[in-house]
């Protein structure tokens, strides 16, 4: 019997946020750690992914930096795809990410990416989302394409 490697992240019920899953990389030195912790909740065909912007995410206007938003968008695509059940751990790469910045995000107020799967093919996931704050202020919109990885060959 072959041992199965543990996923690179944890995805489990968050005791501090009933109904939400916590999404974290096991290795805190990876890029994603700059926006963690993330929370994920699926409601119908929408995956909601939350982050809490901190001072380190701010620009010179004391708003959320566009680079932090882009990083959040990218990670939200993966967290949403996992939450929607169309992607396994480490099973894809970003092919494209298109973003439109609409408003400034406030530091210290949770940001939420509301992501929907537009289409799934054998190798691709097409997604789109909105980043909102306080449920009403639209901060950005985005679309992305993920390419699913080829599964490794089965060992005999």
C-alpha atoms as a PDB file:
ATOM      1  CA  UNK A   1       0.000   0.000   0.000  1.00  0.00           C
ATOM      2  CA  UNK A   2       1.378   3.392  -0.968  1.00  0.00           C
ATOM      3  CA  UNK A   3       1.120   6.360   1.357  1.00  0.00           C
ATOM      4  CA  UNK A   4      -0.786   9.330   0.003  1.00  0.00           C
ATOM      5  CA  UNK A   5       0.973  12.654   0.477  1.00  0.00           C
ATOM      6  CA  UNK A   6      -0.924  15.117   2.612  1.00  0.00           C
ATOM      7  CA  UNK A   7      -2.272  18.172   0.814  1.00  0.00           C
ATOM      8  CA  UNK A   8      -0.217  21.340   0.859  1.00  0.00           C
ATOM      9  CA  UNK A   9      -3.029  23.149   2.653  1.00  0.00           C
ATOM     10  CA  UNK A  10      -5.678  22.642   5.297  1.00  0.00           C
ATOM     11  CA  UNK A  11      -9.346  23.008   4.425  1.00  0.00           C
ATOM     12  CA  UNK A  12     -11.470  22.370   7.496  1.00  0.00           C
ATOM     13  CA  UNK A  13     -14.346  23.753   9.526  1.00  0.00           C
ATOM     14  CA  UNK A  14     -13.394  26.979  11.272  1.00  0.00           C
ATOM     15  CA  UNK A  15     -14.437  26.854  14.951  1.00  0.00           C
ATOM     16  CA  UNK A  16     -14.547  30.668  15.121  1.00  0.00           C
ATOM     17  CA  UNK A  17     -16.760  31.076  12.035  1.00  0.00           C
ATOM     18  CA  UNK A  18     -19.609  28.542  11.966  1.00  0.00           C
ATOM     19  CA  UNK A  19     -20.529  27.499   8.418  1.00  0.00           C
ATOM     20  CA  UNK A  20     -17.131  28.566   7.036  1.00  0.00           C
ATOM     21  CA  UNK A  21     -14.045  26.520   6.152  1.00  0.00           C
ATOM     22  CA  UNK A  22     -10.538  27.696   7.003  1.00  0.00           C
ATOM     23  CA  UNK A  23      -8.088  27.604   4.067  1.00  0.00           C
ATOM     24  CA  UNK A  24      -4.386  27.719   4.980  1.00  0.00           C
ATOM     25  CA  UNK A  25      -1.130  26.498   3.510  1.00  0.00           C
ATOM     26  CA  UNK A  26       0.712  24.080   5.754  1.00  0.00           C
ATOM     27  CA  UNK A  27       3.996  25.827   4.921  1.00  0.00           C
ATOM     28  CA  UNK A  28       3.735  29.418   6.271  1.00  0.00           C
ATOM     29  CA  UNK A  29       6.756  30.509   4.223  1.00  0.00           C
ATOM     30  CA  UNK A  30       4.812  30.198   0.936  1.00  0.00           C
ATOM     31  CA  UNK A  31       3.467  33.241  -0.919  1.00  0.00           C
ATOM     32  CA  UNK A  32      -0.161  32.680   0.106  1.00  0.00           C
ATOM     33  CA  UNK A  33       0.609  33.243   3.769  1.00  0.00           C
ATOM     34  CA  UNK A  34       0.593  37.020   3.199  1.00  0.00           C
ATOM     35  CA  UNK A  35      -3.221  36.994   2.881  1.00  0.00           C
ATOM     36  CA  UNK A  36      -4.074  34.195   5.294  1.00  0.00           C
ATOM     37  CA  UNK A  37      -6.146  33.228   7.107  1.00  0.00           C
ATOM     38  CA  UNK A  38      -8.815  32.778   4.454  1.00  0.00           C
ATOM     39  CA  UNK A  39     -12.359  31.594   5.005  1.00  0.00           C
ATOM     40  CA  UNK A  40     -14.460  29.788   2.375  1.00  0.00           C
ATOM     41  CA  UNK A  41     -18.206  29.225   2.276  1.00  0.00           C
ATOM     42  CA  UNK A  42     -20.228  27.805  -0.610  1.00  0.00           C
ATOM     43  CA  UNK A  43     -23.770  29.022  -1.142  1.00  0.00           C
ATOM     44  CA  UNK A  44     -25.390  27.432  -4.182  1.00  0.00           C
ATOM     45  CA  UNK A  45     -23.132  28.069  -7.170  1.00  0.00           C
ATOM     46  CA  UNK A  46     -21.177  30.890  -5.472  1.00  0.00           C
ATOM     47  CA  UNK A  47     -18.073  30.370  -3.348  1.00  0.00           C
ATOM     48  CA  UNK A  48     -17.413  33.184  -0.898  1.00  0.00           C
ATOM     49  CA  UNK A  49     -13.751  33.640   0.044  1.00  0.00           C
ATOM     50  CA  UNK A  50     -12.828  36.112   2.810  1.00  0.00           C
ATOM     51  CA  UNK A  51      -9.619  37.784   3.874  1.00  0.00           C
ATOM     52  CA  UNK A  52      -8.957  40.460   6.466  1.00  0.00           C
ATOM     53  CA  UNK A  53      -6.744  43.193   5.012  1.00  0.00           C
ATOM     54  CA  UNK A  54      -4.064  44.385   7.436  1.00  0.00           C
ATOM     55  CA  UNK A  55      -1.625  47.292   7.406  1.00  0.00           C
ATOM     56  CA  UNK A  56       0.879  45.218   5.405  1.00  0.00           C
ATOM     57  CA  UNK A  57      -1.728  45.154   2.583  1.00  0.00           C
ATOM     58  CA  UNK A  58      -2.033  48.939   2.423  1.00  0.00           C
ATOM     59  CA  UNK A  59      -0.862  51.454  -0.143  1.00  0.00           C
ATOM     60  CA  UNK A  60       0.180  55.057   0.470  1.00  0.00           C
ATOM     61  CA  UNK A  61      -3.499  56.111   0.586  1.00  0.00           C
ATOM     62  CA  UNK A  62      -4.119  53.668   3.472  1.00  0.00           C
ATOM     63  CA  UNK A  63      -6.345  51.560   1.239  1.00  0.00           C
ATOM     64  CA  UNK A  64      -5.855  47.956   0.122  1.00  0.00           C
ATOM     65  CA  UNK A  65      -2.968  47.833  -2.374  1.00  0.00           C
ATOM     66  CA  UNK A  66      -3.810  46.628  -5.890  1.00  0.00           C
ATOM     67  CA  UNK A  67      -1.087  43.988  -5.678  1.00  0.00           C
ATOM     68  CA  UNK A  68      -2.660  42.548  -2.528  1.00  0.00           C
ATOM     69  CA  UNK A  69      -6.022  42.482  -4.315  1.00  0.00           C
ATOM     70  CA  UNK A  70      -4.496  40.670  -7.307  1.00  0.00           C
ATOM     71  CA  UNK A  71      -2.900  38.093  -5.012  1.00  0.00           C
ATOM     72  CA  UNK A  72      -6.214  37.637  -3.228  1.00  0.00           C
ATOM     73  CA  UNK A  73      -8.049  37.208  -6.551  1.00  0.00           C
ATOM     74  CA  UNK A  74      -5.624  34.513  -7.684  1.00  0.00           C
ATOM     75  CA  UNK A  75      -5.801  32.541  -4.450  1.00  0.00           C
ATOM     76  CA  UNK A  76      -9.591  33.015  -4.296  1.00  0.00           C
ATOM     77  CA  UNK A  77      -9.916  31.244  -7.673  1.00  0.00           C
ATOM     78  CA  UNK A  78      -8.261  28.148  -6.190  1.00  0.00           C
ATOM     79  CA  UNK A  79     -10.071  28.315  -2.849  1.00  0.00           C
ATOM     80  CA  UNK A  80     -13.398  28.726  -4.660  1.00  0.00           C
ATOM     81  CA  UNK A  81     -12.701  25.874  -7.081  1.00  0.00           C
ATOM     82  CA  UNK A  82     -11.812  23.644  -4.122  1.00  0.00           C
ATOM     83  CA  UNK A  83     -14.943  24.717  -2.251  1.00  0.00           C
ATOM     84  CA  UNK A  84     -17.119  24.098  -5.309  1.00  0.00           C
ATOM     85  CA  UNK A  85     -15.663  20.589  -5.561  1.00  0.00           C
ATOM     86  CA  UNK A  86     -14.074  20.948  -9.001  1.00  0.00           C
ATOM     87  CA  UNK A  87     -10.419  20.994  -7.920  1.00  0.00           C
ATOM     88  CA  UNK A  88      -8.217  18.957  -5.647  1.00  0.00           C
ATOM     89  CA  UNK A  89      -5.149  20.197  -3.738  1.00  0.00           C
ATOM     90  CA  UNK A  90      -2.395  21.464  -5.996  1.00  0.00           C
ATOM     91  CA  UNK A  91      -4.338  20.417  -9.038  1.00  0.00           C
ATOM     92  CA  UNK A  92      -4.137  23.493 -11.294  1.00  0.00           C
ATOM     93  CA  UNK A  93      -2.198  26.521 -12.496  1.00  0.00           C
ATOM     94  CA  UNK A  94      -3.443  30.003 -13.374  1.00  0.00           C
ATOM     95  CA  UNK A  95      -3.499  30.609 -17.136  1.00  0.00           C
ATOM     96  CA  UNK A  96      -4.936  34.090 -16.985  1.00  0.00           C
ATOM     97  CA  UNK A  97      -6.334  36.592 -14.543  1.00  0.00           C
ATOM     98  CA  UNK A  98      -8.061  39.774 -15.654  1.00  0.00           C
ATOM     99  CA  UNK A  99      -8.984  42.429 -13.108  1.00  0.00           C
ATOM    100  CA  UNK A 100     -10.922  45.651 -13.043  1.00  0.00           C
ATOM    101  CA  UNK A 101     -10.378  47.893 -10.017  1.00  0.00           C
ATOM    102  CA  UNK A 102     -13.587  49.725  -9.146  1.00  0.00           C
ATOM    103  CA  UNK A 103     -13.149  51.217  -5.672  1.00  0.00           C
ATOM    104  CA  UNK A 104     -10.736  51.465  -2.773  1.00  0.00           C
ATOM    105  CA  UNK A 105     -10.737  48.808  -0.090  1.00  0.00           C
ATOM    106  CA  UNK A 106     -10.599  49.757   3.588  1.00  0.00           C
ATOM    107  CA  UNK A 107      -7.906  48.234   5.803  1.00  0.00           C
ATOM    108  CA  UNK A 108      -9.324  46.305   8.757  1.00  0.00           C
ATOM    109  CA  UNK A 109     -12.668  45.524   7.079  1.00  0.00           C
ATOM    110  CA  UNK A 110     -13.045  41.992   5.631  1.00  0.00           C
ATOM    111  CA  UNK A 111     -12.878  41.633   1.860  1.00  0.00           C
ATOM    112  CA  UNK A 112     -14.972  38.953   0.213  1.00  0.00           C
ATOM    113  CA  UNK A 113     -14.424  37.431  -3.216  1.00  0.00           C
ATOM    114  CA  UNK A 114     -17.698  36.045  -4.535  1.00  0.00           C
ATOM    115  CA  UNK A 115     -16.641  33.531  -7.172  1.00  0.00           C
ATOM    116  CA  UNK A 116     -18.689  31.463  -9.596  1.00  0.00           C
ATOM    117  CA  UNK A 117     -17.690  28.681 -11.940  1.00  0.00           C
ATOM    118  CA  UNK A 118     -18.736  29.619 -15.472  1.00  0.00           C
ATOM    119  CA  UNK A 119     -17.620  26.410 -17.163  1.00  0.00           C
ATOM    120  CA  UNK A 120     -15.573  23.301 -16.511  1.00  0.00           C
ATOM    121  CA  UNK A 121     -13.976  21.220 -19.233  1.00  0.00           C
ATOM    122  CA  UNK A 122     -11.729  18.194 -18.913  1.00  0.00           C
ATOM    123  CA  UNK A 123      -8.657  20.402 -18.386  1.00  0.00           C
ATOM    124  CA  UNK A 124      -9.945  23.934 -17.722  1.00  0.00           C
ATOM    125  CA  UNK A 125     -11.942  25.931 -15.201  1.00  0.00           C
ATOM    126  CA  UNK A 126     -13.406  29.298 -16.195  1.00  0.00           C
ATOM    127  CA  UNK A 127     -14.359  31.488 -13.230  1.00  0.00           C
ATOM    128  CA  UNK A 128     -15.426  35.055 -12.489  1.00  0.00           C
ATOM    129  CA  UNK A 129     -15.830  37.026  -9.329  1.00  0.00           C
ATOM    130  CA  UNK A 130     -16.459  40.256  -7.514  1.00  0.00           C
ATOM    131  CA  UNK A 131     -14.564  41.538  -4.512  1.00  0.00           C
ATOM    132  CA  UNK A 132     -16.908  43.313  -2.143  1.00  0.00           C
ATOM    133  CA  UNK A 133     -16.558  44.922   1.245  1.00  0.00           C
ATOM    134  CA  UNK A 134     -19.312  45.053   3.846  1.00  0.00           C
ATOM    135  CA  UNK A 135     -21.536  43.247   1.343  1.00  0.00           C
ATOM    136  CA  UNK A 136     -22.311  46.368  -0.680  1.00  0.00           C
ATOM    137  CA  UNK A 137     -19.163  48.174  -1.804  1.00  0.00           C
ATOM    138  CA  UNK A 138     -17.737  46.631  -4.981  1.00  0.00           C
ATOM    139  CA  UNK A 139     -13.951  46.913  -4.890  1.00  0.00           C
ATOM    140  CA  UNK A 140     -13.030  44.914  -8.016  1.00  0.00           C
ATOM    141  CA  UNK A 141     -14.222  42.392 -10.564  1.00  0.00           C
ATOM    142  CA  UNK A 142     -12.128  39.626 -12.093  1.00  0.00           C
ATOM    143  CA  UNK A 143     -12.111  36.593 -14.352  1.00  0.00           C
ATOM    144  CA  UNK A 144      -9.646  33.763 -14.420  1.00  0.00           C
ATOM    145  CA  UNK A 145      -8.849  30.518 -16.162  1.00  0.00           C
ATOM    146  CA  UNK A 146      -7.260  27.605 -14.314  1.00  0.00           C
ATOM    147  CA  UNK A 147      -5.729  24.621 -16.083  1.00  0.00           C
ATOM    148  CA  UNK A 148      -6.105  21.396 -14.185  1.00  0.00           C
ATOM    149  CA  UNK A 149      -2.933  19.374 -13.793  1.00  0.00           C
ATOM    150  CA  UNK A 150      -2.563  15.917 -15.218  1.00  0.00           C
ATOM    151  CA  UNK A 151      -2.888  13.410 -12.387  1.00  0.00           C
ATOM    152  CA  UNK A 152       0.293  11.431 -11.710  1.00  0.00           C
ATOM    153  CA  UNK A 153       0.281   7.866 -13.058  1.00  0.00           C
ATOM    154  CA  UNK A 154      -1.024   5.267 -10.639  1.00  0.00           C
ATOM    155  CA  UNK A 155       1.643   3.166  -8.943  1.00  0.00           C
ATOM    156  CA  UNK A 156       1.230  -0.569  -9.116  1.00  0.00           C
END
